Amino acid sequence: MNYLSNKLGFLGIDNKFNFKEKVVVVPFGLEKTVSYGSGTKNGPKEIIKASHQVELYDEELNCEPYKKIGIKTLKPFKIDKDIKAALKKISDINQEILNKKLFPIIFGGEHSITPGCILPFTKKYKNLCLLHFDAHADLRESYNGEKFSHASAIKRCLDHKNVSVISFGIRNISKSEISYLKQNSKRINIFWAKDKAKWNLKKFQKLIKNKAVYLTFDVDGLDSSIMPATGTPEPGGLLWDETLAIIKIAAKNSNIVGADINELAPIKGFNSYNFLVAKLAYKILSYKFLIKQL
């Protein structure tokens, strides 16, 4: 695997710092099926650029997590314009990362990448739970004639019988998705955004206990007041602290095996949104590798 130098990669770590990586950051700016705002192809490079401004010390964990983790970033590469070929590419990359016993975190691009991202995990684990943050359920069979649309990302993941889903922040869903949800209620648990004030996170803790978990994060799951830089911003979403609380429960009680963050569509001159996603990625990795030590 061809890596960027530490200085050019995620977090912009000094090149003099030497470590054995546990994490591989994969920039994968696929933009093929966006249906409203565009620009997700620029998400990965802007997340990495913004990450150079993230403070490396974590006051909650009382350390510089990157020194205990080891993070390398793949050099950007050409992404096929054919969506099936692109999904095969990200699947092959994740398979290679897993073969090396490393942890992949993919920066999209649009959410349609997730079925490709998880394919190697569906083969490795008897049961795989998706921890899904999103404004949308993404359970359509197809959208605008495309079976591999971003609006069908979770439905394509559920084509694998050993996959289940726990979704947080859903607040935009179609009638056809409700029918599918009712038919598959044993495999899909949704913590609706409208019920945020009365979420039972102890139930979530039980649902996730000791499971292999793949975390997929569509940034429109965040409230549009803090994350307007996405193709389909939605009011009524997750805020920063409650998002971290959910991820922390998952990190403490399950085995997070991989992750992706999608749908950042950078807005020129508004770097705070790119920074938020970069910090979110660092927190996910920090919790994954260090939270059980607290």
C-alpha atoms as a PDB file:
ATOM      1  CA  MET A   1       0.000   0.000   0.000  1.00  0.00           C
ATOM      2  CA  ASN A   2       1.299   3.440  -0.948  1.00  0.00           C
ATOM      3  CA  TYR A   3       1.064   5.924   1.930  1.00  0.00           C
ATOM      4  CA  LEU A   4       1.330   9.696   2.028  1.00  0.00           C
ATOM      5  CA  SER A   5       4.071  11.084   4.252  1.00  0.00           C
ATOM      6  CA  ASN A   6       2.950  11.699   7.855  1.00  0.00           C
ATOM      7  CA  LYS A   7       3.002  15.438   7.218  1.00  0.00           C
ATOM      8  CA  LEU A   8       0.647  15.225   4.213  1.00  0.00           C
ATOM      9  CA  GLY A   9      -1.618  12.552   5.678  1.00  0.00           C
ATOM     10  CA  PHE A  10      -4.446  12.635   8.215  1.00  0.00           C
ATOM     11  CA  LEU A  11      -3.557  14.857  11.234  1.00  0.00           C
ATOM     12  CA  GLY A  12      -0.366  16.184   9.563  1.00  0.00           C
ATOM     13  CA  ILE A  13       1.945  14.395  12.002  1.00  0.00           C
ATOM     14  CA  ASP A  14       5.639  15.297  11.959  1.00  0.00           C
ATOM     15  CA  ASN A  15       7.630  13.107   9.532  1.00  0.00           C
ATOM     16  CA  LYS A  16      10.210  12.524  12.277  1.00  0.00           C
ATOM     17  CA  PHE A  17       7.613  10.622  14.296  1.00  0.00           C
ATOM     18  CA  ASN A  18       7.911   6.908  13.542  1.00  0.00           C
ATOM     19  CA  PHE A  19       5.222   4.352  14.361  1.00  0.00           C
ATOM     20  CA  LYS A  20       3.745   1.065  13.244  1.00  0.00           C
ATOM     21  CA  GLU A  21       0.308   1.763  11.887  1.00  0.00           C
ATOM     22  CA  LYS A  22      -2.870   0.224  13.272  1.00  0.00           C
ATOM     23  CA  VAL A  23      -5.172   2.428  11.175  1.00  0.00           C
ATOM     24  CA  VAL A  24      -5.290   3.112   7.437  1.00  0.00           C
ATOM     25  CA  VAL A  25      -7.179   6.205   6.241  1.00  0.00           C
ATOM     26  CA  VAL A  26      -8.579   5.672   2.730  1.00  0.00           C
ATOM     27  CA  PRO A  27      -9.593   8.806   0.766  1.00  0.00           C
ATOM     28  CA  PHE A  28     -12.354   7.649  -1.599  1.00  0.00           C
ATOM     29  CA  GLY A  29     -14.171  10.621  -3.101  1.00  0.00           C
ATOM     30  CA  LEU A  30     -16.712   8.744  -5.205  1.00  0.00           C
ATOM     31  CA  GLU A  31     -19.456  11.055  -6.481  1.00  0.00           C
ATOM     32  CA  LYS A  32     -21.806   9.299  -8.853  1.00  0.00           C
ATOM     33  CA  THR A  33     -25.415   9.231  -7.613  1.00  0.00           C
ATOM     34  CA  VAL A  34     -25.842  12.490  -5.649  1.00  0.00           C
ATOM     35  CA  SER A  35     -29.409  13.708  -6.049  1.00  0.00           C
ATOM     36  CA  TYR A  36     -29.452  17.263  -4.628  1.00  0.00           C
ATOM     37  CA  GLY A  37     -26.304  19.209  -3.695  1.00  0.00           C
ATOM     38  CA  SER A  38     -22.946  18.047  -5.089  1.00  0.00           C
ATOM     39  CA  GLY A  39     -19.284  18.306  -4.097  1.00  0.00           C
ATOM     40  CA  THR A  40     -18.728  15.114  -2.088  1.00  0.00           C
ATOM     41  CA  LYS A  41     -15.774  14.171  -4.307  1.00  0.00           C
ATOM     42  CA  ASN A  42     -13.856  16.972  -2.571  1.00  0.00           C
ATOM     43  CA  GLY A  43     -14.726  15.718   0.915  1.00  0.00           C
ATOM     44  CA  PRO A  44     -11.684  13.469   1.563  1.00  0.00           C
ATOM     45  CA  LYS A  45      -8.999  16.012   0.660  1.00  0.00           C
ATOM     46  CA  GLU A  46     -10.713  18.746   2.699  1.00  0.00           C
ATOM     47  CA  ILE A  47     -11.080  16.459   5.743  1.00  0.00           C
ATOM     48  CA  ILE A  48      -7.375  15.627   5.569  1.00  0.00           C
ATOM     49  CA  LYS A  49      -6.444  19.290   5.068  1.00  0.00           C
ATOM     50  CA  ALA A  50      -8.603  20.381   8.030  1.00  0.00           C
ATOM     51  CA  SER A  51      -7.197  17.576  10.194  1.00  0.00           C
ATOM     52  CA  HIS A  52      -3.842  19.391  10.201  1.00  0.00           C
ATOM     53  CA  GLN A  53      -5.518  21.955  12.471  1.00  0.00           C
ATOM     54  CA  VAL A  54      -6.919  19.383  14.934  1.00  0.00           C
ATOM     55  CA  GLU A  55      -5.134  19.468  18.288  1.00  0.00           C
ATOM     56  CA  LEU A  56      -3.414  16.111  18.780  1.00  0.00           C
ATOM     57  CA  TYR A  57      -3.918  16.079  22.568  1.00  0.00           C
ATOM     58  CA  ASP A  58      -7.308  14.790  23.765  1.00  0.00           C
ATOM     59  CA  GLU A  59      -8.303  16.324  27.104  1.00  0.00           C
ATOM     60  CA  GLU A  60     -10.946  13.634  27.708  1.00  0.00           C
ATOM     61  CA  LEU A  61      -8.509  10.732  27.188  1.00  0.00           C
ATOM     62  CA  ASN A  62      -5.604  12.657  28.739  1.00  0.00           C
ATOM     63  CA  CYS A  63      -3.102  11.732  26.014  1.00  0.00           C
ATOM     64  CA  GLU A  64      -2.159  12.226  22.368  1.00  0.00           C
ATOM     65  CA  PRO A  65      -4.097   9.281  20.910  1.00  0.00           C
ATOM     66  CA  TYR A  66      -2.222   9.171  17.601  1.00  0.00           C
ATOM     67  CA  LYS A  67       0.958   8.087  19.428  1.00  0.00           C
ATOM     68  CA  LYS A  68      -0.827   5.053  20.862  1.00  0.00           C
ATOM     69  CA  ILE A  69      -2.715   4.208  17.660  1.00  0.00           C
ATOM     70  CA  GLY A  70      -0.499   4.765  14.602  1.00  0.00           C
ATOM     71  CA  ILE A  71      -2.341   6.227  11.596  1.00  0.00           C
ATOM     72  CA  LYS A  72      -1.255   6.135   7.949  1.00  0.00           C
ATOM     73  CA  THR A  73      -3.080   7.656   4.971  1.00  0.00           C
ATOM     74  CA  LEU A  74      -3.235   6.054   1.531  1.00  0.00           C
ATOM     75  CA  LYS A  75      -2.068   8.174  -1.398  1.00  0.00           C
ATOM     76  CA  PRO A  76      -5.065   9.343  -3.477  1.00  0.00           C
ATOM     77  CA  PHE A  77      -5.733   7.131  -6.489  1.00  0.00           C
ATOM     78  CA  LYS A  78      -8.043   7.128  -9.514  1.00  0.00           C
ATOM     79  CA  ILE A  79     -11.623   6.084  -8.797  1.00  0.00           C
ATOM     80  CA  ASP A  80     -13.500   4.297 -11.573  1.00  0.00           C
ATOM     81  CA  LYS A  81     -16.525   6.177 -12.944  1.00  0.00           C
ATOM     82  CA  ASP A  82     -18.523   2.937 -13.112  1.00  0.00           C
ATOM     83  CA  ILE A  83     -20.117   2.538  -9.692  1.00  0.00           C
ATOM     84  CA  LYS A  84     -19.864  -1.282  -9.564  1.00  0.00           C
ATOM     85  CA  ALA A  85     -16.165  -1.110 -10.462  1.00  0.00           C
ATOM     86  CA  ALA A  86     -15.652   1.610  -7.823  1.00  0.00           C
ATOM     87  CA  LEU A  87     -17.364  -0.500  -5.156  1.00  0.00           C
ATOM     88  CA  LYS A  88     -15.183  -3.485  -6.078  1.00  0.00           C
ATOM     89  CA  LYS A  89     -12.122  -1.248  -5.734  1.00  0.00           C
ATOM     90  CA  ILE A  90     -12.952  -0.119  -2.200  1.00  0.00           C
ATOM     91  CA  SER A  91     -13.869  -3.689  -1.269  1.00  0.00           C
ATOM     92  CA  ASP A  92     -10.477  -4.928  -2.502  1.00  0.00           C
ATOM     93  CA  ILE A  93      -8.670  -2.151  -0.609  1.00  0.00           C
ATOM     94  CA  ASN A  94     -10.466  -3.001   2.640  1.00  0.00           C
ATOM     95  CA  GLN A  95      -9.736  -6.689   2.109  1.00  0.00           C
ATOM     96  CA  GLU A  96      -6.033  -5.887   1.804  1.00  0.00           C
ATOM     97  CA  ILE A  97      -6.169  -3.755   4.965  1.00  0.00           C
ATOM     98  CA  LEU A  98      -7.937  -6.546   6.879  1.00  0.00           C
ATOM     99  CA  ASN A  99      -5.436  -9.106   5.607  1.00  0.00           C
ATOM    100  CA  LYS A 100      -2.739  -6.987   7.282  1.00  0.00           C
ATOM    101  CA  LYS A 101      -4.808  -6.968  10.505  1.00  0.00           C
ATOM    102  CA  LEU A 102      -5.267  -3.185  10.298  1.00  0.00           C
ATOM    103  CA  PHE A 103      -8.313  -0.951  10.837  1.00  0.00           C
ATOM    104  CA  PRO A 104      -9.719   0.900   7.794  1.00  0.00           C
ATOM    105  CA  ILE A 105     -11.482   4.259   8.002  1.00  0.00           C
ATOM    106  CA  ILE A 106     -12.745   5.515   4.643  1.00  0.00           C
ATOM    107  CA  PHE A 107     -13.423   9.159   3.858  1.00  0.00           C
ATOM    108  CA  GLY A 108     -16.100   9.467   1.125  1.00  0.00           C
ATOM    109  CA  GLY A 109     -17.490  10.573  -1.206  1.00  0.00           C
ATOM    110  CA  GLU A 110     -21.083   9.659  -1.217  1.00  0.00           C
ATOM    111  CA  HIS A 111     -22.731   7.068   1.007  1.00  0.00           C
ATOM    112  CA  SER A 112     -23.110   4.596  -1.859  1.00  0.00           C
ATOM    113  CA  ILE A 113     -19.564   3.385  -1.048  1.00  0.00           C
ATOM    114  CA  THR A 114     -20.641   1.590   2.147  1.00  0.00           C
ATOM    115  CA  PRO A 115     -21.849  -1.714   0.581  1.00  0.00           C
ATOM    116  CA  GLY A 116     -18.425  -2.020  -1.063  1.00  0.00           C
ATOM    117  CA  CYS A 117     -16.648  -1.050   2.164  1.00  0.00           C
ATOM    118  CA  ILE A 118     -18.359  -3.737   4.249  1.00  0.00           C
ATOM    119  CA  LEU A 119     -18.065  -6.671   1.821  1.00  0.00           C
ATOM    120  CA  PRO A 120     -14.824  -8.066   3.332  1.00  0.00           C
ATOM    121  CA  PHE A 121     -16.321  -7.712   6.831  1.00  0.00           C
ATOM    122  CA  THR A 122     -19.426  -9.727   5.852  1.00  0.00           C
ATOM    123  CA  LYS A 123     -17.089 -12.577   4.915  1.00  0.00           C
ATOM    124  CA  LYS A 124     -14.929 -12.283   8.029  1.00  0.00           C
ATOM    125  CA  TYR A 125     -17.674 -12.055  10.675  1.00  0.00           C
ATOM    126  CA  LYS A 126     -20.571 -14.459  11.165  1.00  0.00           C
ATOM    127  CA  ASN A 127     -22.756 -11.528  12.203  1.00  0.00           C
ATOM    128  CA  LEU A 128     -22.003  -7.887  11.428  1.00  0.00           C
ATOM    129  CA  CYS A 129     -23.864  -4.952  12.953  1.00  0.00           C
ATOM    130  CA  LEU A 130     -23.873  -1.613  11.149  1.00  0.00           C
ATOM    131  CA  LEU A 131     -23.934   1.405  13.458  1.00  0.00           C
ATOM    132  CA  HIS A 132     -25.477   3.919  11.089  1.00  0.00           C
ATOM    133  CA  PHE A 133     -25.673   7.704  11.604  1.00  0.00           C
ATOM    134  CA  ASP A 134     -27.829   9.448   9.014  1.00  0.00           C
ATOM    135  CA  ALA A 135     -30.766  11.736   8.354  1.00  0.00           C
ATOM    136  CA  HIS A 136     -32.086   9.152   5.883  1.00  0.00           C
ATOM    137  CA  ALA A 137     -32.795   5.444   6.270  1.00  0.00           C
ATOM    138  CA  ASP A 138     -31.198   4.642   2.853  1.00  0.00           C
ATOM    139  CA  LEU A 139     -33.481   1.601   2.557  1.00  0.00           C
ATOM    140  CA  ARG A 140     -34.830   2.223  -0.960  1.00  0.00           C
ATOM    141  CA  GLU A 141     -34.473  -0.655  -3.398  1.00  0.00           C
ATOM    142  CA  SER A 142     -33.283   1.880  -5.983  1.00  0.00           C
ATOM    143  CA  TYR A 143     -33.369   5.628  -6.615  1.00  0.00           C
ATOM    144  CA  ASN A 144     -33.538   7.349  -9.999  1.00  0.00           C
ATOM    145  CA  GLY A 145     -33.151   3.892 -11.537  1.00  0.00           C
ATOM    146  CA  GLU A 146     -29.866   3.175  -9.716  1.00  0.00           C
ATOM    147  CA  LYS A 147     -29.750   0.119  -7.439  1.00  0.00           C
ATOM    148  CA  PHE A 148     -26.418   1.278  -5.971  1.00  0.00           C
ATOM    149  CA  SER A 149     -27.603   4.819  -5.203  1.00  0.00           C
ATOM    150  CA  HIS A 150     -26.613   6.630  -2.003  1.00  0.00           C
ATOM    151  CA  ALA A 151     -30.330   6.369  -1.127  1.00  0.00           C
ATOM    152  CA  SER A 152     -30.041   2.554  -1.246  1.00  0.00           C
ATOM    153  CA  ALA A 153     -26.744   2.173   0.634  1.00  0.00           C
ATOM    154  CA  ILE A 154     -28.116   0.439   3.735  1.00  0.00           C
ATOM    155  CA  LYS A 155     -30.550  -1.676   1.701  1.00  0.00           C
ATOM    156  CA  ARG A 156     -27.588  -3.018  -0.301  1.00  0.00           C
ATOM    157  CA  CYS A 157     -25.782  -3.804   2.955  1.00  0.00           C
ATOM    158  CA  LEU A 158     -28.844  -5.716   4.170  1.00  0.00           C
ATOM    159  CA  ASP A 159     -28.719  -7.871   1.034  1.00  0.00           C
ATOM    160  CA  HIS A 160     -26.212  -9.808   3.165  1.00  0.00           C
ATOM    161  CA  LYS A 161     -28.288 -11.993   5.508  1.00  0.00           C
ATOM    162  CA  ASN A 162     -25.687 -11.757   8.306  1.00  0.00           C
ATOM    163  CA  VAL A 163     -25.935  -7.942   8.511  1.00  0.00           C
ATOM    164  CA  SER A 164     -28.135  -6.011  10.956  1.00  0.00           C
ATOM    165  CA  VAL A 165     -28.463  -2.246  11.402  1.00  0.00           C
ATOM    166  CA  ILE A 166     -28.829   0.190  14.285  1.00  0.00           C
ATOM    167  CA  SER A 167     -29.565   3.686  12.935  1.00  0.00           C
ATOM    168  CA  PHE A 168     -29.416   7.017  14.761  1.00  0.00           C
ATOM    169  CA  GLY A 169     -30.855  10.353  13.666  1.00  0.00           C
ATOM    170  CA  ILE A 170     -33.262   9.226  10.919  1.00  0.00           C
ATOM    171  CA  ARG A 171     -35.779  11.958  10.107  1.00  0.00           C
ATOM    172  CA  ASN A 172     -36.482  11.621   6.392  1.00  0.00           C
ATOM    173  CA  ILE A 173     -37.952   8.375   5.069  1.00  0.00           C
ATOM    174  CA  SER A 174     -40.213   7.261   2.213  1.00  0.00           C
ATOM    175  CA  LYS A 175     -43.375   5.157   2.414  1.00  0.00           C
ATOM    176  CA  SER A 176     -41.724   2.225   0.616  1.00  0.00           C
ATOM    177  CA  GLU A 177     -38.887   2.236   3.153  1.00  0.00           C
ATOM    178  CA  ILE A 178     -41.399   2.083   6.025  1.00  0.00           C
ATOM    179  CA  SER A 179     -42.884  -1.092   4.487  1.00  0.00           C
ATOM    180  CA  TYR A 180     -39.432  -2.674   4.219  1.00  0.00           C
ATOM    181  CA  LEU A 181     -38.622  -1.597   7.774  1.00  0.00           C
ATOM    182  CA  LYS A 182     -41.777  -3.264   9.141  1.00  0.00           C
ATOM    183  CA  GLN A 183     -40.993  -6.490   7.274  1.00  0.00           C
ATOM    184  CA  ASN A 184     -37.429  -6.539   8.630  1.00  0.00           C
ATOM    185  CA  SER A 185     -37.908  -5.179  12.152  1.00  0.00           C
ATOM    186  CA  LYS A 186     -35.745  -7.946  13.675  1.00  0.00           C
ATOM    187  CA  ARG A 187     -32.715  -6.787  11.674  1.00  0.00           C
ATOM    188  CA  ILE A 188     -33.239  -3.007  11.805  1.00  0.00           C
ATOM    189  CA  ASN A 189     -33.422  -0.824  14.919  1.00  0.00           C
ATOM    190  CA  ILE A 190     -33.982   2.891  14.392  1.00  0.00           C
ATOM    191  CA  PHE A 191     -33.474   5.556  17.041  1.00  0.00           C
ATOM    192  CA  TRP A 192     -35.594   8.255  15.386  1.00  0.00           C
ATOM    193  CA  ALA A 193     -34.452  11.865  15.608  1.00  0.00           C
ATOM    194  CA  LYS A 194     -37.945  12.926  16.704  1.00  0.00           C
ATOM    195  CA  ASP A 195     -37.545  10.773  19.827  1.00  0.00           C
ATOM    196  CA  LYS A 196     -34.110  12.120  20.751  1.00  0.00           C
ATOM    197  CA  ALA A 197     -35.178  13.404  24.173  1.00  0.00           C
ATOM    198  CA  LYS A 198     -36.351   9.927  25.229  1.00  0.00           C
ATOM    199  CA  TRP A 199     -33.799   7.642  23.582  1.00  0.00           C
ATOM    200  CA  ASN A 200     -33.066   4.592  25.727  1.00  0.00           C
ATOM    201  CA  LEU A 201     -29.297   4.293  25.362  1.00  0.00           C
ATOM    202  CA  LYS A 202     -29.271   1.343  27.787  1.00  0.00           C
ATOM    203  CA  LYS A 203     -31.286  -0.526  25.160  1.00  0.00           C
ATOM    204  CA  PHE A 204     -28.675   0.484  22.591  1.00  0.00           C
ATOM    205  CA  GLN A 205     -25.918  -0.773  24.886  1.00  0.00           C
ATOM    206  CA  LYS A 206     -27.643  -4.182  25.099  1.00  0.00           C
ATOM    207  CA  LEU A 207     -28.233  -4.322  21.339  1.00  0.00           C
ATOM    208  CA  ILE A 208     -24.564  -3.729  20.616  1.00  0.00           C
ATOM    209  CA  LYS A 209     -22.993  -5.769  23.428  1.00  0.00           C
ATOM    210  CA  ASN A 210     -20.010  -7.837  22.267  1.00  0.00           C
ATOM    211  CA  LYS A 211     -20.920  -7.508  18.582  1.00  0.00           C
ATOM    212  CA  ALA A 212     -18.650  -6.894  15.610  1.00  0.00           C
ATOM    213  CA  VAL A 213     -19.661  -3.367  14.547  1.00  0.00           C
ATOM    214  CA  TYR A 214     -18.961  -1.421  11.381  1.00  0.00           C
ATOM    215  CA  LEU A 215     -19.590   2.307  11.882  1.00  0.00           C
ATOM    216  CA  THR A 216     -20.965   4.219   8.896  1.00  0.00           C
ATOM    217  CA  PHE A 217     -21.465   7.953   9.334  1.00  0.00           C
ATOM    218  CA  ASP A 218     -23.330  10.142   6.861  1.00  0.00           C
ATOM    219  CA  VAL A 219     -22.640  13.693   8.049  1.00  0.00           C
ATOM    220  CA  ASP A 220     -26.221  14.768   7.283  1.00  0.00           C
ATOM    221  CA  GLY A 221     -27.080  12.769  10.418  1.00  0.00           C
ATOM    222  CA  LEU A 222     -25.803  15.862  12.227  1.00  0.00           C
ATOM    223  CA  ASP A 223     -28.176  18.777  12.603  1.00  0.00           C
ATOM    224  CA  SER A 224     -28.040  21.212   9.695  1.00  0.00           C
ATOM    225  CA  SER A 225     -27.188  24.038  12.133  1.00  0.00           C
ATOM    226  CA  ILE A 226     -23.749  22.475  12.687  1.00  0.00           C
ATOM    227  CA  MET A 227     -23.431  20.599   9.358  1.00  0.00           C
ATOM    228  CA  PRO A 228     -24.907  22.442   6.357  1.00  0.00           C
ATOM    229  CA  ALA A 229     -21.973  21.293   4.166  1.00  0.00           C
ATOM    230  CA  THR A 230     -23.715  18.230   2.771  1.00  0.00           C
ATOM    231  CA  GLY A 231     -25.915  17.500  -0.221  1.00  0.00           C
ATOM    232  CA  THR A 232     -29.109  16.965   1.793  1.00  0.00           C
ATOM    233  CA  PRO A 233     -28.955  18.943   5.065  1.00  0.00           C
ATOM    234  CA  GLU A 234     -31.834  18.244   7.460  1.00  0.00           C
ATOM    235  CA  PRO A 235     -33.004  20.107  10.585  1.00  0.00           C
ATOM    236  CA  GLY A 236     -33.675  18.192  13.794  1.00  0.00           C
ATOM    237  CA  GLY A 237     -30.504  16.105  13.793  1.00  0.00           C
ATOM    238  CA  LEU A 238     -27.706  15.076  16.115  1.00  0.00           C
ATOM    239  CA  LEU A 239     -25.492  17.546  17.952  1.00  0.00           C
ATOM    240  CA  TRP A 240     -21.823  17.029  18.812  1.00  0.00           C
ATOM    241  CA  ASP A 241     -21.965  15.823  22.426  1.00  0.00           C
ATOM    242  CA  GLU A 242     -24.825  13.367  21.923  1.00  0.00           C
ATOM    243  CA  THR A 243     -23.082  11.946  18.862  1.00  0.00           C
ATOM    244  CA  LEU A 244     -19.904  11.292  20.840  1.00  0.00           C
ATOM    245  CA  ALA A 245     -21.917   9.716  23.675  1.00  0.00           C
ATOM    246  CA  ILE A 246     -23.357   7.121  21.261  1.00  0.00           C
ATOM    247  CA  ILE A 247     -19.965   6.329  19.717  1.00  0.00           C
ATOM    248  CA  LYS A 248     -18.452   6.016  23.195  1.00  0.00           C
ATOM    249  CA  ILE A 249     -21.085   3.443  24.226  1.00  0.00           C
ATOM    250  CA  ALA A 250     -20.333   1.460  21.064  1.00  0.00           C
ATOM    251  CA  ALA A 251     -16.572   1.603  21.646  1.00  0.00           C
ATOM    252  CA  LYS A 252     -16.937   0.437  25.260  1.00  0.00           C
ATOM    253  CA  ASN A 253     -19.387  -2.389  24.606  1.00  0.00           C
ATOM    254  CA  SER A 254     -18.642  -3.753  21.139  1.00  0.00           C
ATOM    255  CA  ASN A 255     -15.783  -4.435  18.763  1.00  0.00           C
ATOM    256  CA  ILE A 256     -15.713  -1.642  16.174  1.00  0.00           C
ATOM    257  CA  VAL A 257     -13.969  -3.271  13.213  1.00  0.00           C
ATOM    258  CA  GLY A 258     -14.034  -0.520  10.570  1.00  0.00           C
ATOM    259  CA  ALA A 259     -15.642   2.810   9.685  1.00  0.00           C
ATOM    260  CA  ASP A 260     -16.540   5.238   6.948  1.00  0.00           C
ATOM    261  CA  ILE A 261     -17.534   8.915   6.992  1.00  0.00           C
ATOM    262  CA  ASN A 262     -19.462  10.224   4.008  1.00  0.00           C
ATOM    263  CA  GLU A 263     -21.325  13.038   2.297  1.00  0.00           C
ATOM    264  CA  LEU A 264     -19.244  16.062   3.296  1.00  0.00           C
ATOM    265  CA  ALA A 265     -19.691  18.564   0.466  1.00  0.00           C
ATOM    266  CA  PRO A 266     -17.227  21.330   1.400  1.00  0.00           C
ATOM    267  CA  ILE A 267     -18.357  24.959   1.165  1.00  0.00           C
ATOM    268  CA  LYS A 268     -15.600  27.320   0.059  1.00  0.00           C
ATOM    269  CA  GLY A 269     -14.534  29.627   2.878  1.00  0.00           C
ATOM    270  CA  PHE A 270     -16.348  27.633   5.597  1.00  0.00           C
ATOM    271  CA  ASN A 271     -13.606  25.383   6.893  1.00  0.00           C
ATOM    272  CA  SER A 272     -15.290  24.799  10.258  1.00  0.00           C
ATOM    273  CA  TYR A 273     -17.468  22.055   8.730  1.00  0.00           C
ATOM    274  CA  ASN A 274     -14.448  20.233   7.311  1.00  0.00           C
ATOM    275  CA  PHE A 275     -12.746  20.605  10.696  1.00  0.00           C
ATOM    276  CA  LEU A 276     -15.762  19.108  12.498  1.00  0.00           C
ATOM    277  CA  VAL A 277     -15.560  15.968  10.328  1.00  0.00           C
ATOM    278  CA  ALA A 278     -11.791  15.700  10.819  1.00  0.00           C
ATOM    279  CA  LYS A 279     -12.209  15.939  14.596  1.00  0.00           C
ATOM    280  CA  LEU A 280     -15.058  13.408  14.474  1.00  0.00           C
ATOM    281  CA  ALA A 281     -12.778  10.940  12.651  1.00  0.00           C
ATOM    282  CA  TYR A 282     -10.041  11.420  15.276  1.00  0.00           C
ATOM    283  CA  LYS A 283     -12.562  10.889  18.104  1.00  0.00           C
ATOM    284  CA  ILE A 284     -13.908   7.693  16.499  1.00  0.00           C
ATOM    285  CA  LEU A 285     -10.370   6.286  16.274  1.00  0.00           C
ATOM    286  CA  SER A 286      -9.452   7.469  19.777  1.00  0.00           C
ATOM    287  CA  TYR A 287     -12.535   5.852  21.316  1.00  0.00           C
ATOM    288  CA  LYS A 288     -12.061   2.657  19.324  1.00  0.00           C
ATOM    289  CA  PHE A 289      -8.497   2.101  20.504  1.00  0.00           C
ATOM    290  CA  LEU A 290      -8.356   3.801  23.902  1.00  0.00           C
ATOM    291  CA  ILE A 291     -11.786   4.051  25.585  1.00  0.00           C
ATOM    292  CA  LYS A 292     -11.584   0.616  27.222  1.00  0.00           C
ATOM    293  CA  GLN A 293      -8.387   1.691  28.958  1.00  0.00           C
ATOM    294  CA  LEU A 294     -10.209   4.436  30.908  1.00  0.00           C
END
